[in-house]
Amino acid sequence: MQKVFIHIDKLIQVREPDSKILRGALMADVPSLEKAWLKVKDGLIEGYGSMDDFQEDNAYETIDLKGRMVTPTFVDSHTHLVFAADRDEEFVMKIKGMDYQAIAAAGGGIVNSAKKLQETTLETLLESARQRLTEAIQAGTGAIEIKSGYGLTLEAEVKMLQVIARLKEEFPIPIKSTFLGAHAFPHADRDKYMNTILQEMLPEIFSQNLADYIDCFCEEGYFSVDQMCRILEAGEKYDLKPKVHVNQFNAIGGVEKAIEFGAISVDHLEVLPESEMILLKDSDTIPVALPGCSFFIDIPFAPARKIIENGLPLVLASDFNPGSAPSFNMSLINSLATVKMKLLPEEAFNATTHNAAYALKLEEEVGSITIGKRANFIVSKPNRALNSIAYNFGVDWIDQVYINGERFNP
């Protein structure tokens, strides 16, 4: 399978193989090539260049893009894509004035999703997850992380991770799975549930090789810092690197401990004191902001502008889930980041492509137009530019999505 795409108006996010994660002011730079061609061989990017230097090769199928923009696909490093049902009834409760914590206290929230999932078969879960993932790819996502956490029993958590394993087998994009048994407490006996996670869930998940990462919702009313540390320490024994939920509503010390455990990322950060920003600056842990969640449940947005101004890298993800962020659309995430977080379009795009690949340890596979990486890219509709992605909020700018060099036609 060899293809060459010609007459590309702008080839966006063109980077060398040794490019590093972008920090601070570097996040405003998105290298591009005008009037370009792009070669694909065996699912990988083989080369690119200016149309001025293009030479036809009969060994390649030629596809004329007629002056359209090409960008790498998005990388979504934080989702809860596997769930049993929407929670639109809670949406109405929110409109009537109840906040996230009040809805959870009334029997909604994560425990509501867990009850529904426990009663749903694996095949039914898989079918709905297939549909969501297909739509996410059509919307431009070319690599994704999916968490468990809506099971909250041994059987249901394993079932969720088995669904994710099936998606990995069936879909052509990189998928990372994260064990999030520590998403909420399903009953009042918290010590008992901690033992279930540590003594039952983790050994079983390890024996079936079902998780790439481990996560914990460290927050008041959920898992304490001490409980998170016990979970992450247990995860180390099973070679599971942490990617953790911290600082969504309160800063209770989770960031510092996550850094100590070598977390790949700390996600949410709607509340981020200066002291913790300094700790992150001196670490390799990546800050991940989730503007879709802030928008939907009407809480503060993570201080993304301040994170960048402090010389840190930044990643943006969808947090796609049925309760607090029911959208997988990464173009919308770009829009929210520019309008509500005051990022430049270039900064938002880097945070959802190049930098986002690092939050999944996929930087050698996806995130940029780079020789040797997967040929996962988006072909725009006519007359689109990089600014269009964020500017035309809610407007579909995508004409075609290519995964491993093949047009994605589910």
Protein backbone atom coordinates (compact mmCIF):
# COMPACT_ATOMS: atom_id res chain seq x y z
CA MET A 1 0.00 0.00 0.00
CA GLN A 2 1.76 3.12 -1.28
CA LYS A 3 0.09 6.50 -1.73
CA VAL A 4 1.17 10.04 -2.42
CA PHE A 5 -1.11 12.95 -1.54
CA ILE A 6 -0.46 16.01 -3.67
CA HIS A 7 -1.55 19.66 -3.86
CA ILE A 8 -1.87 20.04 -0.07
CA ASP A 9 -2.44 23.71 0.69
CA LYS A 10 -0.80 23.46 4.13
CA LEU A 11 0.75 20.39 5.75
CA ILE A 12 0.41 21.18 9.46
CA GLN A 13 2.55 19.98 12.39
CA VAL A 14 5.59 18.84 10.39
CA ARG A 15 8.28 17.76 12.85
CA GLU A 16 11.57 15.89 12.94
CA PRO A 17 11.72 12.45 14.62
CA ASP A 18 13.76 13.74 17.58
CA SER A 19 11.28 16.49 18.54
CA LYS A 20 10.66 16.83 22.29
CA ILE A 21 7.55 17.71 24.28
CA LEU A 22 6.78 21.42 23.92
CA ARG A 23 7.05 23.65 26.97
CA GLY A 24 6.18 27.28 27.59
CA ALA A 25 6.63 29.64 24.66
CA LEU A 26 7.46 26.76 22.30
CA MET A 27 3.82 25.73 22.46
CA ALA A 28 2.94 28.65 20.17
CA ASP A 29 4.93 27.14 17.30
CA VAL A 30 3.27 24.76 14.81
CA PRO A 31 5.64 24.09 11.88
CA SER A 32 3.92 23.77 8.52
CA LEU A 33 4.77 23.31 4.87
CA GLU A 34 2.83 25.14 2.15
CA LYS A 35 1.94 23.66 -1.26
CA ALA A 36 3.07 20.22 -0.22
CA TRP A 37 2.95 16.51 -0.96
CA LEU A 38 2.89 13.60 1.51
CA LYS A 39 3.98 10.01 0.84
CA VAL A 40 2.65 6.99 2.72
CA LYS A 41 4.01 3.45 2.59
CA ASP A 42 2.79 0.43 4.57
CA GLY A 43 0.74 2.62 6.88
CA LEU A 44 3.60 4.95 7.81
CA ILE A 45 4.65 8.41 6.69
CA GLU A 46 7.50 7.89 4.24
CA GLY A 47 8.20 11.47 3.18
CA TYR A 48 6.90 14.93 2.40
CA GLY A 49 8.04 18.02 0.56
CA SER A 50 7.16 21.01 -1.58
CA MET A 51 5.15 20.57 -4.76
CA ASP A 52 7.91 22.55 -6.47
CA ASP A 53 10.15 19.51 -6.00
CA PHE A 54 7.54 16.80 -6.55
CA GLN A 55 8.34 14.00 -8.98
CA GLU A 56 5.72 11.48 -10.03
CA ASP A 57 6.30 7.81 -9.21
CA ASN A 58 4.09 5.20 -10.86
CA ALA A 59 4.59 2.89 -7.88
CA TYR A 60 2.39 5.20 -5.80
CA GLU A 61 -1.34 5.80 -6.04
CA THR A 62 -1.73 9.55 -6.47
CA ILE A 63 -4.48 11.36 -4.56
CA ASP A 64 -5.03 15.02 -5.44
CA LEU A 65 -6.24 16.96 -2.39
CA LYS A 66 -6.91 20.10 -4.46
CA GLY A 67 -5.58 22.67 -2.04
CA ARG A 68 -6.90 21.29 1.24
CA MET A 69 -5.19 21.41 4.63
CA VAL A 70 -3.74 18.23 6.18
CA THR A 71 -3.10 17.87 9.92
CA PRO A 72 -2.21 14.94 12.17
CA THR A 73 -5.16 13.34 13.91
CA PHE A 74 -5.88 14.31 17.52
CA VAL A 75 -4.61 12.30 20.47
CA ASP A 76 -7.17 12.03 23.29
CA SER A 77 -5.28 11.06 26.44
CA HIS A 78 -8.18 10.94 28.92
CA THR A 79 -11.59 9.33 28.25
CA HIS A 80 -14.21 7.15 29.90
CA LEU A 81 -15.62 5.91 26.60
CA VAL A 82 -16.99 2.58 27.89
CA PHE A 83 -20.24 3.06 29.80
CA ALA A 84 -23.71 1.55 29.87
CA ALA A 85 -25.94 4.58 29.32
CA ASP A 86 -26.07 8.36 29.16
CA ARG A 87 -26.92 10.35 32.29
CA ASP A 88 -29.08 12.93 30.58
CA GLU A 89 -31.49 12.93 33.52
CA GLU A 90 -28.66 14.38 35.64
CA PHE A 91 -28.17 17.03 32.95
CA VAL A 92 -31.69 18.25 33.68
CA MET A 93 -30.97 18.17 37.44
CA LYS A 94 -27.92 20.37 36.79
CA ILE A 95 -29.99 22.83 34.75
CA LYS A 96 -32.38 23.08 37.71
CA GLY A 97 -29.52 24.13 39.97
CA MET A 98 -27.88 21.02 41.44
CA ASP A 99 -24.09 20.88 41.28
CA TYR A 100 -21.90 17.83 40.59
CA GLN A 101 -21.43 16.93 44.26
CA ALA A 102 -25.13 17.34 45.08
CA ILE A 103 -26.13 15.08 42.18
CA ALA A 104 -23.66 12.45 43.39
CA ALA A 105 -25.03 12.70 46.94
CA ALA A 106 -28.53 12.13 45.56
CA GLY A 107 -27.49 8.80 44.03
CA GLY A 108 -26.28 10.12 40.71
CA GLY A 109 -22.77 10.45 39.40
CA ILE A 110 -20.24 7.66 39.11
CA VAL A 111 -22.20 5.24 41.31
CA ASN A 112 -25.23 5.70 39.04
CA SER A 113 -23.13 4.74 36.01
CA ALA A 114 -21.69 1.78 37.92
CA LYS A 115 -25.12 0.38 38.75
CA LYS A 116 -26.16 0.56 35.10
CA LEU A 117 -22.92 -0.99 33.90
CA GLN A 118 -23.05 -3.88 36.36
CA GLU A 119 -26.42 -4.84 34.86
CA THR A 120 -25.20 -4.62 31.23
CA THR A 121 -23.65 -7.51 29.32
CA LEU A 122 -20.17 -7.36 27.85
CA GLU A 123 -21.51 -7.63 24.31
CA THR A 124 -23.95 -4.77 24.83
CA LEU A 125 -21.20 -2.60 26.30
CA LEU A 126 -18.92 -3.50 23.40
CA GLU A 127 -21.50 -2.59 20.78
CA SER A 128 -22.12 0.87 22.24
CA ALA A 129 -18.38 1.46 22.72
CA ARG A 130 -17.73 0.52 19.09
CA GLN A 131 -20.23 3.13 17.95
CA ARG A 132 -18.73 5.87 20.15
CA LEU A 133 -15.16 5.06 19.11
CA THR A 134 -16.13 5.01 15.44
CA GLU A 135 -17.69 8.46 15.80
CA ALA A 136 -14.66 9.75 17.72
CA ILE A 137 -12.33 8.65 14.91
CA GLN A 138 -14.61 10.26 12.32
CA ALA A 139 -14.30 13.45 14.40
CA GLY A 140 -10.52 13.30 14.03
CA THR A 141 -9.17 11.26 16.94
CA GLY A 142 -6.36 8.92 15.86
CA ALA A 143 -5.16 7.63 19.26
CA ILE A 144 -7.03 7.36 22.55
CA GLU A 145 -6.93 6.32 26.19
CA ILE A 146 -9.96 4.62 27.75
CA LYS A 147 -10.45 4.10 31.49
CA SER A 148 -12.42 1.62 33.53
CA GLY A 149 -14.04 2.97 36.70
CA TYR A 150 -17.75 2.52 36.08
CA GLY A 151 -17.69 -1.05 37.36
CA LEU A 152 -16.71 -0.74 41.03
CA THR A 153 -16.89 -4.52 41.50
CA LEU A 154 -14.27 -7.07 40.48
CA GLU A 155 -16.50 -8.56 37.80
CA ALA A 156 -17.64 -5.24 36.35
CA GLU A 157 -14.18 -3.61 36.29
CA VAL A 158 -12.76 -6.67 34.53
CA LYS A 159 -15.70 -6.57 32.11
CA MET A 160 -14.94 -2.95 31.22
CA LEU A 161 -11.27 -3.67 30.62
CA GLN A 162 -12.17 -6.71 28.51
CA VAL A 163 -14.32 -4.42 26.34
CA ILE A 164 -11.34 -2.09 25.92
CA ALA A 165 -9.16 -5.09 25.01
CA ARG A 166 -11.66 -6.03 22.31
CA LEU A 167 -11.61 -2.47 20.96
CA LYS A 168 -7.81 -2.69 20.77
CA GLU A 169 -8.14 -5.81 18.62
CA GLU A 170 -10.85 -4.44 16.34
CA PHE A 171 -9.82 -0.84 15.70
CA PRO A 172 -6.79 0.39 13.73
CA ILE A 173 -5.76 3.22 16.07
CA PRO A 174 -3.52 3.01 19.17
CA ILE A 175 -5.66 2.50 22.29
CA LYS A 176 -4.33 2.61 25.86
CA SER A 177 -6.31 1.13 28.76
CA THR A 178 -6.28 2.52 32.29
CA PHE A 179 -7.52 0.76 35.43
CA LEU A 180 -9.61 3.23 37.46
CA GLY A 181 -11.21 1.01 40.06
CA ALA A 182 -10.50 3.89 42.47
CA HIS A 183 -13.08 6.14 40.81
CA ALA A 184 -15.59 6.23 43.67
CA PHE A 185 -16.58 4.18 46.71
CA PRO A 186 -19.58 1.96 45.90
CA HIS A 187 -20.63 1.57 49.55
CA ALA A 188 -19.93 2.97 53.00
CA ASP A 189 -17.28 0.38 53.93
CA ARG A 190 -14.30 2.13 52.37
CA ASP A 191 -11.69 -0.19 53.89
CA LYS A 192 -13.45 -3.18 52.37
CA TYR A 193 -13.46 -1.59 48.91
CA MET A 194 -9.80 -0.63 49.21
CA ASN A 195 -9.03 -4.28 49.93
CA THR A 196 -11.09 -5.29 46.89
CA ILE A 197 -8.99 -3.03 44.68
CA LEU A 198 -5.65 -4.10 46.13
CA GLN A 199 -6.21 -7.79 46.78
CA GLU A 200 -8.72 -8.81 44.11
CA MET A 201 -8.92 -6.37 41.20
CA LEU A 202 -5.24 -5.66 40.62
CA PRO A 203 -4.07 -9.30 40.67
CA GLU A 204 -6.87 -10.34 38.28
CA ILE A 205 -6.28 -7.45 35.89
CA PHE A 206 -2.57 -8.23 35.87
CA SER A 207 -3.17 -11.92 35.23
CA GLN A 208 -5.28 -11.06 32.16
CA ASN A 209 -2.93 -8.25 31.03
CA LEU A 210 -5.84 -5.84 30.79
CA ALA A 211 -4.31 -2.46 31.76
CA ASP A 212 -1.52 -0.19 30.58
CA TYR A 213 -1.90 2.41 33.35
CA ILE A 214 -3.46 2.92 36.78
CA ASP A 215 -5.55 5.87 37.93
CA CYS A 216 -7.22 7.19 41.07
CA PHE A 217 -9.74 9.98 41.67
CA CYS A 218 -7.94 11.84 44.48
CA GLU A 219 -10.44 14.36 45.79
CA GLU A 220 -12.41 15.28 48.91
CA GLY A 221 -15.30 12.84 49.25
CA TYR A 222 -13.56 10.31 47.01
CA PHE A 223 -10.05 8.90 47.56
CA SER A 224 -7.68 10.55 50.01
CA VAL A 225 -4.02 11.19 49.28
CA ASP A 226 -3.05 8.29 51.57
CA GLN A 227 -5.46 5.97 49.79
CA MET A 228 -4.13 7.10 46.41
CA CYS A 229 -0.59 6.37 47.56
CA ARG A 230 -1.56 2.84 48.60
CA ILE A 231 -3.17 2.26 45.20
CA LEU A 232 -0.25 3.67 43.20
CA GLU A 233 2.24 1.70 45.31
CA ALA A 234 0.29 -1.47 44.56
CA GLY A 235 0.21 -0.51 40.89
CA GLU A 236 4.01 -0.35 40.86
CA LYS A 237 4.16 -4.04 41.76
CA TYR A 238 2.17 -4.79 38.61
CA ASP A 239 4.23 -2.42 36.41
CA LEU A 240 1.32 0.02 36.00
CA LYS A 241 2.42 3.64 35.60
CA PRO A 242 0.06 6.23 37.14
CA LYS A 243 -2.13 8.75 35.30
CA VAL A 244 -4.24 10.33 38.02
CA HIS A 245 -7.29 12.55 38.58
CA VAL A 246 -6.28 15.39 40.92
CA ASN A 247 -7.34 18.92 41.90
CA GLN A 248 -10.74 18.94 40.22
CA PHE A 249 -12.43 20.72 43.12
CA ASN A 250 -9.75 20.99 45.80
CA ALA A 251 -5.96 20.86 46.14
CA ILE A 252 -5.35 18.24 48.84
CA GLY A 253 -1.77 17.23 48.06
CA GLY A 254 -2.39 14.72 45.31
CA VAL A 255 -0.13 16.44 42.76
CA GLU A 256 2.96 16.21 44.97
CA LYS A 257 2.45 12.51 45.68
CA ALA A 258 1.64 11.73 42.05
CA ILE A 259 4.95 13.30 41.06
CA GLU A 260 6.76 11.23 43.69
CA PHE A 261 5.28 8.08 42.13
CA GLY A 262 6.48 9.15 38.68
CA ALA A 263 3.01 9.74 37.27
CA ILE A 264 2.96 10.21 33.51
CA SER A 265 0.30 12.87 33.92
CA VAL A 266 -1.91 14.64 36.44
CA ASP A 267 -5.34 15.33 34.97
CA HIS A 268 -7.99 17.98 35.73
CA LEU A 269 -6.05 20.67 37.68
CA GLU A 270 -8.97 23.09 37.81
CA VAL A 271 -7.46 24.13 41.15
CA LEU A 272 -3.68 24.52 40.90
CA PRO A 273 -1.74 26.48 43.54
CA GLU A 274 1.52 28.17 42.58
CA SER A 275 3.46 25.77 44.83
CA GLU A 276 2.21 22.75 42.89
CA MET A 277 2.97 24.43 39.58
CA ILE A 278 6.58 24.77 40.75
CA LEU A 279 6.65 21.07 41.66
CA LEU A 280 5.39 20.16 38.20
CA LYS A 281 8.00 22.38 36.58
CA ASP A 282 10.75 20.37 38.29
CA SER A 283 9.27 17.02 37.23
CA ASP A 284 8.54 14.96 34.12
CA THR A 285 4.84 14.68 35.03
CA ILE A 286 2.62 16.29 32.38
CA PRO A 287 -0.28 18.62 33.29
CA VAL A 288 -3.50 17.62 31.48
CA ALA A 289 -6.47 19.98 31.40
CA LEU A 290 -10.04 18.92 30.59
CA PRO A 291 -11.97 21.99 29.41
CA GLY A 292 -15.01 19.98 28.29
CA CYS A 293 -15.67 19.02 31.91
CA SER A 294 -15.30 22.59 33.17
CA PHE A 295 -17.70 23.79 30.49
CA PHE A 296 -20.34 21.14 31.03
CA ILE A 297 -20.58 21.14 34.84
CA ASP A 298 -19.80 24.87 35.09
CA ILE A 299 -16.68 24.81 37.25
CA PRO A 300 -13.48 26.86 36.85
CA PHE A 301 -11.20 26.02 33.95
CA ALA A 302 -7.67 24.83 34.66
CA PRO A 303 -5.20 27.77 34.57
CA ALA A 304 -3.81 26.72 31.19
CA ARG A 305 -2.46 30.17 30.32
CA LYS A 306 -0.54 30.29 33.61
CA ILE A 307 0.75 26.74 33.12
CA ILE A 308 2.28 27.71 29.78
CA GLU A 309 3.62 31.03 31.06
CA ASN A 310 5.42 29.09 33.80
CA GLY A 311 7.34 27.15 31.17
CA LEU A 312 5.41 23.91 31.56
CA PRO A 313 4.08 21.61 28.85
CA LEU A 314 0.32 21.30 28.51
CA VAL A 315 -1.99 18.60 27.20
CA LEU A 316 -5.72 18.95 26.56
CA ALA A 317 -8.08 15.96 26.51
CA SER A 318 -11.82 15.44 26.18
CA ASP A 319 -12.61 13.58 29.46
CA PHE A 320 -15.45 12.04 27.42
CA ASN A 321 -17.89 10.48 29.91
CA PRO A 322 -21.66 10.33 30.47
CA GLY A 323 -21.77 12.58 33.54
CA SER A 324 -19.44 15.54 33.35
CA ALA A 325 -18.13 15.70 29.77
CA PRO A 326 -20.41 13.94 27.25
CA SER A 327 -18.43 14.96 24.15
CA PHE A 328 -15.46 13.30 22.43
CA ASN A 329 -15.07 16.15 19.94
CA MET A 330 -11.46 17.34 20.15
CA SER A 331 -12.13 20.25 17.79
CA LEU A 332 -14.54 21.57 20.43
CA ILE A 333 -11.78 21.12 23.03
CA ASN A 334 -9.60 23.40 20.88
CA SER A 335 -12.40 25.97 20.81
CA LEU A 336 -12.94 25.88 24.57
CA ALA A 337 -9.21 26.19 25.19
CA THR A 338 -8.96 29.33 23.08
CA VAL A 339 -12.16 31.05 24.21
CA LYS A 340 -12.23 30.07 27.90
CA MET A 341 -8.55 29.41 28.68
CA LYS A 342 -7.13 32.16 26.43
CA LEU A 343 -4.77 29.86 24.54
CA LEU A 344 -3.62 30.65 21.04
CA PRO A 345 -4.97 28.27 18.38
CA GLU A 346 -1.41 26.97 17.93
CA GLU A 347 -1.08 26.24 21.65
CA ALA A 348 -4.40 24.40 21.76
CA PHE A 349 -3.52 22.38 18.68
CA ASN A 350 -0.11 21.38 20.07
CA ALA A 351 -1.82 20.38 23.32
CA THR A 352 -4.21 18.03 21.47
CA THR A 353 -1.68 16.51 19.05
CA HIS A 354 2.09 16.61 19.58
CA ASN A 355 2.13 17.02 23.37
CA ALA A 356 -0.86 14.75 23.87
CA ALA A 357 1.05 11.82 22.40
CA TYR A 358 3.54 12.11 25.28
CA ALA A 359 0.73 11.72 27.81
CA LEU A 360 0.16 8.21 26.39
CA LYS A 361 3.81 7.34 25.68
CA LEU A 362 2.90 7.31 21.98
CA GLU A 363 5.20 10.12 20.86
CA GLU A 364 7.06 7.79 18.48
CA GLU A 365 3.82 6.74 16.75
CA VAL A 366 1.42 9.68 16.49
CA GLY A 367 0.94 13.39 17.15
CA SER A 368 2.76 14.95 14.20
CA ILE A 369 3.57 14.62 10.52
CA THR A 370 6.90 12.88 11.01
CA ILE A 371 8.70 10.33 8.86
CA GLY A 372 8.27 6.90 10.40
CA LYS A 373 5.12 7.71 12.38
CA ARG A 374 1.71 6.27 11.58
CA ALA A 375 -0.02 7.92 8.66
CA ASN A 376 -2.92 9.07 10.84
CA PHE A 377 -4.06 12.41 9.47
CA ILE A 378 -7.04 14.63 8.71
CA VAL A 379 -7.90 16.15 5.34
CA SER A 380 -9.90 19.33 5.81
CA LYS A 381 -12.83 20.67 3.86
CA PRO A 382 -11.94 23.43 1.38
CA ASN A 383 -10.73 26.83 2.57
CA ARG A 384 -9.79 25.80 6.09
CA ALA A 385 -6.73 26.91 8.08
CA LEU A 386 -5.29 26.02 11.48
CA ASN A 387 -7.27 28.84 13.12
CA SER A 388 -10.49 27.35 11.71
CA ILE A 389 -10.31 24.38 14.08
CA ALA A 390 -10.90 26.55 17.15
CA TYR A 391 -12.61 29.51 15.48
CA ASN A 392 -15.51 27.62 13.87
CA PHE A 393 -16.72 26.10 17.13
CA GLY A 394 -19.16 23.26 16.65
CA VAL A 395 -18.63 23.31 12.88
CA ASP A 396 -17.34 20.18 11.16
CA TRP A 397 -14.17 21.16 9.29
CA ILE A 398 -13.11 17.56 8.52
CA ASP A 399 -13.60 16.03 5.08
CA GLN A 400 -11.65 12.76 5.46
CA VAL A 401 -9.74 10.90 8.16
CA TYR A 402 -6.88 8.58 7.25
CA ILE A 403 -5.71 5.90 9.66
CA ASN A 404 -2.50 4.02 8.85
CA GLY A 405 -2.69 5.53 5.38
CA GLU A 406 -6.19 4.23 4.64
CA ARG A 407 -9.32 6.35 4.51
CA PHE A 408 -11.44 5.55 7.57
CA ASN A 409 -14.74 4.17 6.28
CA PRO A 410 -16.44 2.22 9.06
